[in-house]
């Protein structure tokens, strides 16, 4: 069934894989870039500070996610 947990060697592989740090950091930065671009596009008085602020906030969020995943 689709809702069952994986069995056999696939289960062991997934247990050892853990979170993907590149995906965590990359996705946070991309979300920050997109939100910053949208902020500057639709709120013109924020140009370029909206993009820069949300870009660096995305980087900080990515490193915070790496830190959280590294501790667990």
PDB file of N, CA and C in Angstrom:
ATOM      1  N   UNK A   1       0.826  -1.194   0.000  1.00  0.00           N
ATOM      2  CA  UNK A   1       0.000   0.000   0.000  1.00  0.00           C
ATOM      3  C   UNK A   1       0.865   1.251   0.000  1.00  0.00           C
ATOM      4  N   UNK A   2       0.291   2.360  -0.415  1.00  0.00           N
ATOM      5  CA  UNK A   2       1.053   3.604  -0.525  1.00  0.00           C
ATOM      6  C   UNK A   2       1.403   4.195   0.835  1.00  0.00           C
ATOM      7  N   UNK A   3       0.594   3.953   1.850  1.00  0.00           N
ATOM      8  CA  UNK A   3       0.824   4.551   3.158  1.00  0.00           C
ATOM      9  C   UNK A   3       1.770   3.764   4.043  1.00  0.00           C
ATOM     10  N   UNK A   4       2.182   2.569   3.602  1.00  0.00           N
ATOM     11  CA  UNK A   4       3.061   1.745   4.429  1.00  0.00           C
ATOM     12  C   UNK A   4       4.478   2.291   4.434  1.00  0.00           C
ATOM     13  N   UNK A   5       5.164   2.041   5.538  1.00  0.00           N
ATOM     14  CA  UNK A   5       6.574   2.425   5.632  1.00  0.00           C
ATOM     15  C   UNK A   5       7.399   1.510   4.739  1.00  0.00           C
ATOM     16  N   UNK A   6       8.518   2.006   4.194  1.00  0.00           N
ATOM     17  CA  UNK A   6       9.358   1.163   3.342  1.00  0.00           C
ATOM     18  C   UNK A   6       9.951  -0.004   4.133  1.00  0.00           C
ATOM     19  N   UNK A   7      10.165  -1.101   3.433  1.00  0.00           N
ATOM     20  CA  UNK A   7      10.719  -2.297   4.067  1.00  0.00           C
ATOM     21  C   UNK A   7      12.017  -2.690   3.389  1.00  0.00           C
ATOM     22  N   UNK A   8      12.774  -3.518   4.066  1.00  0.00           N
ATOM     23  CA  UNK A   8      13.965  -4.107   3.482  1.00  0.00           C
ATOM     24  C   UNK A   8      15.128  -3.139   3.388  1.00  0.00           C
ATOM     25  N   UNK A   9      15.972  -3.341   2.371  1.00  0.00           N
ATOM     26  CA  UNK A   9      17.186  -2.516   2.252  1.00  0.00           C
ATOM     27  C   UNK A   9      16.881  -1.043   2.010  1.00  0.00           C
ATOM     28  N   UNK A  10      15.746  -0.739   1.380  1.00  0.00           N
ATOM     29  CA  UNK A  10      15.391   0.658   1.144  1.00  0.00           C
ATOM     30  C   UNK A  10      15.172   1.383   2.469  1.00  0.00           C
ATOM     31  N   UNK A  11      14.596   0.706   3.433  1.00  0.00           N
ATOM     32  CA  UNK A  11      14.363   1.304   4.747  1.00  0.00           C
ATOM     33  C   UNK A  11      15.702   1.637   5.413  1.00  0.00           C
ATOM     34  N   UNK A  12      16.665   0.743   5.322  1.00  0.00           N
ATOM     35  CA  UNK A  12      17.984   0.998   5.909  1.00  0.00           C
ATOM     36  C   UNK A  12      18.679   2.160   5.196  1.00  0.00           C
ATOM     37  N   UNK A  13      18.539   2.215   3.882  1.00  0.00           N
ATOM     38  CA  UNK A  13      19.155   3.302   3.121  1.00  0.00           C
ATOM     39  C   UNK A  13      18.560   4.648   3.525  1.00  0.00           C
ATOM     40  N   UNK A  14      17.258   4.723   3.659  1.00  0.00           N
ATOM     41  CA  UNK A  14      16.612   5.974   4.022  1.00  0.00           C
ATOM     42  C   UNK A  14      16.934   6.374   5.458  1.00  0.00           C
ATOM     43  N   UNK A  15      17.131   5.409   6.323  1.00  0.00           N
ATOM     44  CA  UNK A  15      17.464   5.717   7.716  1.00  0.00           C
ATOM     45  C   UNK A  15      18.841   6.365   7.802  1.00  0.00           C
ATOM     46  N   UNK A  16      19.792   5.902   6.983  1.00  0.00           N
ATOM     47  CA  UNK A  16      21.148   6.415   7.033  1.00  0.00           C
ATOM     48  C   UNK A  16      21.341   7.691   6.225  1.00  0.00           C
ATOM     49  N   UNK A  17      20.422   8.006   5.330  1.00  0.00           N
ATOM     50  CA  UNK A  17      20.593   9.154   4.456  1.00  0.00           C
ATOM     51  C   UNK A  17      20.460  10.462   5.223  1.00  0.00           C
ATOM     52  N   UNK A  18      19.419  10.633   5.991  1.00  0.00           N
ATOM     53  CA  UNK A  18      19.214  11.850   6.760  1.00  0.00           C
ATOM     54  C   UNK A  18      18.854  13.032   5.887  1.00  0.00           C
ATOM     55  N   UNK A  19      18.814  14.216   6.481  1.00  0.00           N
ATOM     56  CA  UNK A  19      18.458  15.407   5.713  1.00  0.00           C
ATOM     57  C   UNK A  19      19.556  15.794   4.732  1.00  0.00           C
ATOM     58  N   UNK A  20      19.167  16.449   3.681  1.00  0.00           N
ATOM     59  CA  UNK A  20      20.111  16.867   2.657  1.00  0.00           C
ATOM     60  C   UNK A  20      20.482  18.334   2.894  1.00  0.00           C
ATOM     61  N   UNK A  21      21.699  18.614   3.349  1.00  0.00           N
ATOM     62  CA  UNK A  21      22.064  19.997   3.677  1.00  0.00           C
ATOM     63  C   UNK A  21      22.068  20.934   2.478  1.00  0.00           C
ATOM     64  N   UNK A  22      22.458  20.447   1.326  1.00  0.00           N
ATOM     65  CA  UNK A  22      22.452  21.299   0.143  1.00  0.00           C
ATOM     66  C   UNK A  22      21.054  21.719  -0.252  1.00  0.00           C
ATOM     67  N   UNK A  23      20.116  20.820  -0.122  1.00  0.00           N
ATOM     68  CA  UNK A  23      18.731  21.132  -0.442  1.00  0.00           C
ATOM     69  C   UNK A  23      18.151  22.115   0.565  1.00  0.00           C
ATOM     70  N   UNK A  24      18.480  21.934   1.834  1.00  0.00           N
ATOM     71  CA  UNK A  24      17.985  22.851   2.869  1.00  0.00           C
ATOM     72  C   UNK A  24      18.479  24.273   2.635  1.00  0.00           C
ATOM     73  N   UNK A  25      19.774  24.416   2.467  1.00  0.00           N
ATOM     74  CA  UNK A  25      20.353  25.743   2.285  1.00  0.00           C
ATOM     75  C   UNK A  25      19.902  26.359   0.970  1.00  0.00           C
ATOM     76  N   UNK A  26      19.937  25.582  -0.088  1.00  0.00           N
ATOM     77  CA  UNK A  26      19.552  26.094  -1.401  1.00  0.00           C
ATOM     78  C   UNK A  26      18.102  26.531  -1.469  1.00  0.00           C
ATOM     79  N   UNK A  27      17.223  25.752  -0.888  1.00  0.00           N
ATOM     80  CA  UNK A  27      15.804  26.109  -0.955  1.00  0.00           C
ATOM     81  C   UNK A  27      15.507  27.363  -0.136  1.00  0.00           C
ATOM     82  N   UNK A  28      16.155  27.522   1.005  1.00  0.00           N
ATOM     83  CA  UNK A  28      15.942  28.736   1.804  1.00  0.00           C
ATOM     84  C   UNK A  28      16.438  29.975   1.059  1.00  0.00           C
ATOM     85  N   UNK A  29      17.572  29.874   0.409  1.00  0.00           N
ATOM     86  CA  UNK A  29      18.113  31.012  -0.342  1.00  0.00           C
ATOM     87  C   UNK A  29      17.217  31.333  -1.530  1.00  0.00           C
ATOM     88  N   UNK A  30      16.748  30.319  -2.229  1.00  0.00           N
ATOM     89  CA  UNK A  30      15.874  30.553  -3.386  1.00  0.00           C
ATOM     90  C   UNK A  30      14.558  31.192  -2.961  1.00  0.00           C
ATOM     91  N   UNK A  31      13.992  30.739  -1.861  1.00  0.00           N
ATOM     92  CA  UNK A  31      12.751  31.350  -1.362  1.00  0.00           C
ATOM     93  C   UNK A  31      13.001  32.809  -0.988  1.00  0.00           C
ATOM     94  N   UNK A  32      14.136  33.099  -0.353  1.00  0.00           N
ATOM     95  CA  UNK A  32      14.472  34.481  -0.023  1.00  0.00           C
ATOM     96  C   UNK A  32      14.623  35.349  -1.264  1.00  0.00           C
ATOM     97  N   UNK A  33      15.256  34.810  -2.297  1.00  0.00           N
ATOM     98  CA  UNK A  33      15.426  35.555  -3.545  1.00  0.00           C
ATOM     99  C   UNK A  33      14.081  35.842  -4.202  1.00  0.00           C
ATOM    100  N   UNK A  34      13.237  34.837  -4.277  1.00  0.00           N
ATOM    101  CA  UNK A  34      11.931  35.013  -4.924  1.00  0.00           C
ATOM    102  C   UNK A  34      11.068  36.005  -4.151  1.00  0.00           C
ATOM    103  N   UNK A  35      11.036  35.880  -2.829  1.00  0.00           N
ATOM    104  CA  UNK A  35      10.239  36.820  -2.039  1.00  0.00           C
ATOM    105  C   UNK A  35      10.804  38.237  -2.117  1.00  0.00           C
ATOM    106  N   UNK A  36      12.128  38.361  -2.126  1.00  0.00           N
ATOM    107  CA  UNK A  36      12.734  39.676  -2.262  1.00  0.00           C
ATOM    108  C   UNK A  36      12.447  40.312  -3.610  1.00  0.00           C
ATOM    109  N   UNK A  37      12.522  39.506  -4.664  1.00  0.00           N
ATOM    110  CA  UNK A  37      12.198  40.009  -5.996  1.00  0.00           C
ATOM    111  C   UNK A  37      10.744  40.460  -6.053  1.00  0.00           C
ATOM    112  N   UNK A  38       9.837  39.644  -5.505  1.00  0.00           N
ATOM    113  CA  UNK A  38       8.415  39.993  -5.520  1.00  0.00           C
ATOM    114  C   UNK A  38       8.155  41.257  -4.701  1.00  0.00           C
ATOM    115  N   UNK A  39       8.833  41.374  -3.588  1.00  0.00           N
ATOM    116  CA  UNK A  39       8.684  42.563  -2.746  1.00  0.00           C
ATOM    117  C   UNK A  39       9.108  43.812  -3.519  1.00  0.00           C
ATOM    118  N   UNK A  40      10.231  43.750  -4.194  1.00  0.00           N
ATOM    119  CA  UNK A  40      10.700  44.901  -4.963  1.00  0.00           C
ATOM    120  C   UNK A  40       9.855  45.145  -6.203  1.00  0.00           C
ATOM    121  N   UNK A  41       9.311  44.116  -6.767  1.00  0.00           N
ATOM    122  CA  UNK A  41       8.504  44.254  -7.984  1.00  0.00           C
ATOM    123  C   UNK A  41       7.163  44.914  -7.689  1.00  0.00           C
ATOM    124  N   UNK A  42       6.511  44.498  -6.597  1.00  0.00           N
ATOM    125  CA  UNK A  42       5.159  44.979  -6.315  1.00  0.00           C
ATOM    126  C   UNK A  42       5.110  46.086  -5.274  1.00  0.00           C
ATOM    127  N   UNK A  43       6.204  46.324  -4.582  1.00  0.00           N
ATOM    128  CA  UNK A  43       6.314  47.445  -3.650  1.00  0.00           C
ATOM    129  C   UNK A  43       7.544  48.252  -4.073  1.00  0.00           C
ATOM    130  N   UNK A  44       7.414  49.125  -5.055  1.00  0.00           N
ATOM    131  CA  UNK A  44       8.584  49.758  -5.660  1.00  0.00           C
ATOM    132  C   UNK A  44       9.410  50.603  -4.696  1.00  0.00           C
ATOM    133  N   UNK A  45       8.846  51.077  -3.612  1.00  0.00           N
ATOM    134  CA  UNK A  45       9.617  51.904  -2.678  1.00  0.00           C
ATOM    135  C   UNK A  45      10.617  51.085  -1.869  1.00  0.00           C
ATOM    136  N   UNK A  46      10.568  49.755  -1.986  1.00  0.00           N
ATOM    137  CA  UNK A  46      11.529  48.920  -1.260  1.00  0.00           C
ATOM    138  C   UNK A  46      12.763  48.587  -2.079  1.00  0.00           C
ATOM    139  N   UNK A  47      12.789  48.994  -3.337  1.00  0.00           N
ATOM    140  CA  UNK A  47      13.898  48.639  -4.242  1.00  0.00           C
ATOM    141  C   UNK A  47      15.190  49.321  -3.821  1.00  0.00           C
ATOM    142  N   UNK A  48      16.297  48.707  -3.686  1.00  0.00           N
ATOM    143  CA  UNK A  48      16.675  47.299  -3.729  1.00  0.00           C
ATOM    144  C   UNK A  48      16.704  46.645  -2.350  1.00  0.00           C
ATOM    145  N   UNK A  49      16.264  47.369  -1.325  1.00  0.00           N
ATOM    146  CA  UNK A  49      16.437  46.882   0.048  1.00  0.00           C
ATOM    147  C   UNK A  49      15.579  45.679   0.377  1.00  0.00           C
ATOM    148  N   UNK A  50      14.425  45.561  -0.231  1.00  0.00           N
ATOM    149  CA  UNK A  50      13.585  44.393   0.012  1.00  0.00           C
ATOM    150  C   UNK A  50      14.261  43.114  -0.455  1.00  0.00           C
ATOM    151  N   UNK A  51      14.838  43.174  -1.653  1.00  0.00           N
ATOM    152  CA  UNK A  51      15.550  42.015  -2.192  1.00  0.00           C
ATOM    153  C   UNK A  51      16.748  41.662  -1.320  1.00  0.00           C
ATOM    154  N   UNK A  52      17.552  42.663  -0.992  1.00  0.00           N
ATOM    155  CA  UNK A  52      18.754  42.401  -0.203  1.00  0.00           C
ATOM    156  C   UNK A  52      18.419  41.855   1.182  1.00  0.00           C
ATOM    157  N   UNK A  53      17.430  42.448   1.828  1.00  0.00           N
ATOM    158  CA  UNK A  53      17.054  41.998   3.174  1.00  0.00           C
ATOM    159  C   UNK A  53      16.545  40.561   3.148  1.00  0.00           C
ATOM    160  N   UNK A  54      15.678  40.243   2.207  1.00  0.00           N
ATOM    161  CA  UNK A  54      15.129  38.890   2.163  1.00  0.00           C
ATOM    162  C   UNK A  54      16.142  37.880   1.642  1.00  0.00           C
ATOM    163  N   UNK A  55      17.067  38.309   0.803  1.00  0.00           N
ATOM    164  CA  UNK A  55      18.144  37.426   0.359  1.00  0.00           C
ATOM    165  C   UNK A  55      19.006  37.008   1.553  1.00  0.00           C
ATOM    166  N   UNK A  56      19.434  37.975   2.348  1.00  0.00           N
ATOM    167  CA  UNK A  56      20.262  37.650   3.508  1.00  0.00           C
ATOM    168  C   UNK A  56      19.468  36.923   4.588  1.00  0.00           C
ATOM    169  N   UNK A  57      18.180  37.213   4.686  1.00  0.00           N
ATOM    170  CA  UNK A  57      17.333  36.459   5.617  1.00  0.00           C
ATOM    171  C   UNK A  57      17.216  35.010   5.169  1.00  0.00           C
ATOM    172  N   UNK A  58      17.146  34.769   3.856  1.00  0.00           N
ATOM    173  CA  UNK A  58      17.118  33.403   3.336  1.00  0.00           C
ATOM    174  C   UNK A  58      18.408  32.658   3.630  1.00  0.00           C
ATOM    175  N   UNK A  59      19.541  33.349   3.498  1.00  0.00           N
ATOM    176  CA  UNK A  59      20.825  32.724   3.836  1.00  0.00           C
ATOM    177  C   UNK A  59      20.871  32.378   5.318  1.00  0.00           C
ATOM    178  N   UNK A  60      20.433  33.309   6.158  1.00  0.00           N
ATOM    179  CA  UNK A  60      20.418  33.046   7.605  1.00  0.00           C
ATOM    180  C   UNK A  60      19.488  31.890   7.950  1.00  0.00           C
ATOM    181  N   UNK A  61      18.327  31.838   7.302  1.00  0.00           N
ATOM    182  CA  UNK A  61      17.387  30.743   7.552  1.00  0.00           C
ATOM    183  C   UNK A  61      17.972  29.408   7.104  1.00  0.00           C
ATOM    184  N   UNK A  62      18.701  29.416   5.997  1.00  0.00           N
ATOM    185  CA  UNK A  62      19.336  28.186   5.523  1.00  0.00           C
ATOM    186  C   UNK A  62      20.381  27.672   6.492  1.00  0.00           C
ATOM    187  N   UNK A  63      21.218  28.572   7.007  1.00  0.00           N
ATOM    188  CA  UNK A  63      22.220  28.140   7.975  1.00  0.00           C
ATOM    189  C   UNK A  63      21.583  27.725   9.299  1.00  0.00           C
ATOM    190  N   UNK A  64      20.492  28.394   9.673  1.00  0.00           N
ATOM    191  CA  UNK A  64      19.787  27.982  10.892  1.00  0.00           C
ATOM    192  C   UNK A  64      19.223  26.567  10.711  1.00  0.00           C
ATOM    193  N   UNK A  65      18.694  26.276   9.542  1.00  0.00           N
ATOM    194  CA  UNK A  65      18.172  24.931   9.262  1.00  0.00           C
ATOM    195  C   UNK A  65      19.300  23.895   9.305  1.00  0.00           C
ATOM    196  N   UNK A  66      20.461  24.238   8.752  1.00  0.00           N
ATOM    197  CA  UNK A  66      21.607  23.333   8.819  1.00  0.00           C
ATOM    198  C   UNK A  66      22.021  23.078  10.262  1.00  0.00           C
ATOM    199  N   UNK A  67      22.022  24.120  11.065  1.00  0.00           N
ATOM    200  CA  UNK A  67      22.373  24.002  12.475  1.00  0.00           C
ATOM    201  C   UNK A  67      21.376  23.107  13.208  1.00  0.00           C
ATOM    202  N   UNK A  68      20.082  23.303  12.950  1.00  0.00           N
ATOM    203  CA  UNK A  68      19.050  22.486  13.606  1.00  0.00           C
ATOM    204  C   UNK A  68      19.172  21.014  13.205  1.00  0.00           C
ATOM    205  N   UNK A  69      19.402  20.758  11.916  1.00  0.00           N
ATOM    206  CA  UNK A  69      19.522  19.383  11.456  1.00  0.00           C
ATOM    207  C   UNK A  69      20.808  18.727  11.950  1.00  0.00           C
ATOM    208  N   UNK A  70      21.853  19.521  12.128  1.00  0.00           N
ATOM    209  CA  UNK A  70      23.115  18.980  12.600  1.00  0.00           C
ATOM    210  C   UNK A  70      23.067  18.561  14.055  1.00  0.00           C
ATOM    211  N   UNK A  71      22.227  19.217  14.838  1.00  0.00           N
ATOM    212  CA  UNK A  71      22.125  18.891  16.251  1.00  0.00           C
ATOM    213  C   UNK A  71      21.310  17.634  16.506  1.00  0.00           C
ATOM    214  N   UNK A  72      20.374  17.325  15.623  1.00  0.00           N
ATOM    215  CA  UNK A  72      19.499  16.167  15.875  1.00  0.00           C
ATOM    216  C   UNK A  72      20.067  14.873  15.347  1.00  0.00           C
TER     217      UNK A  72
END
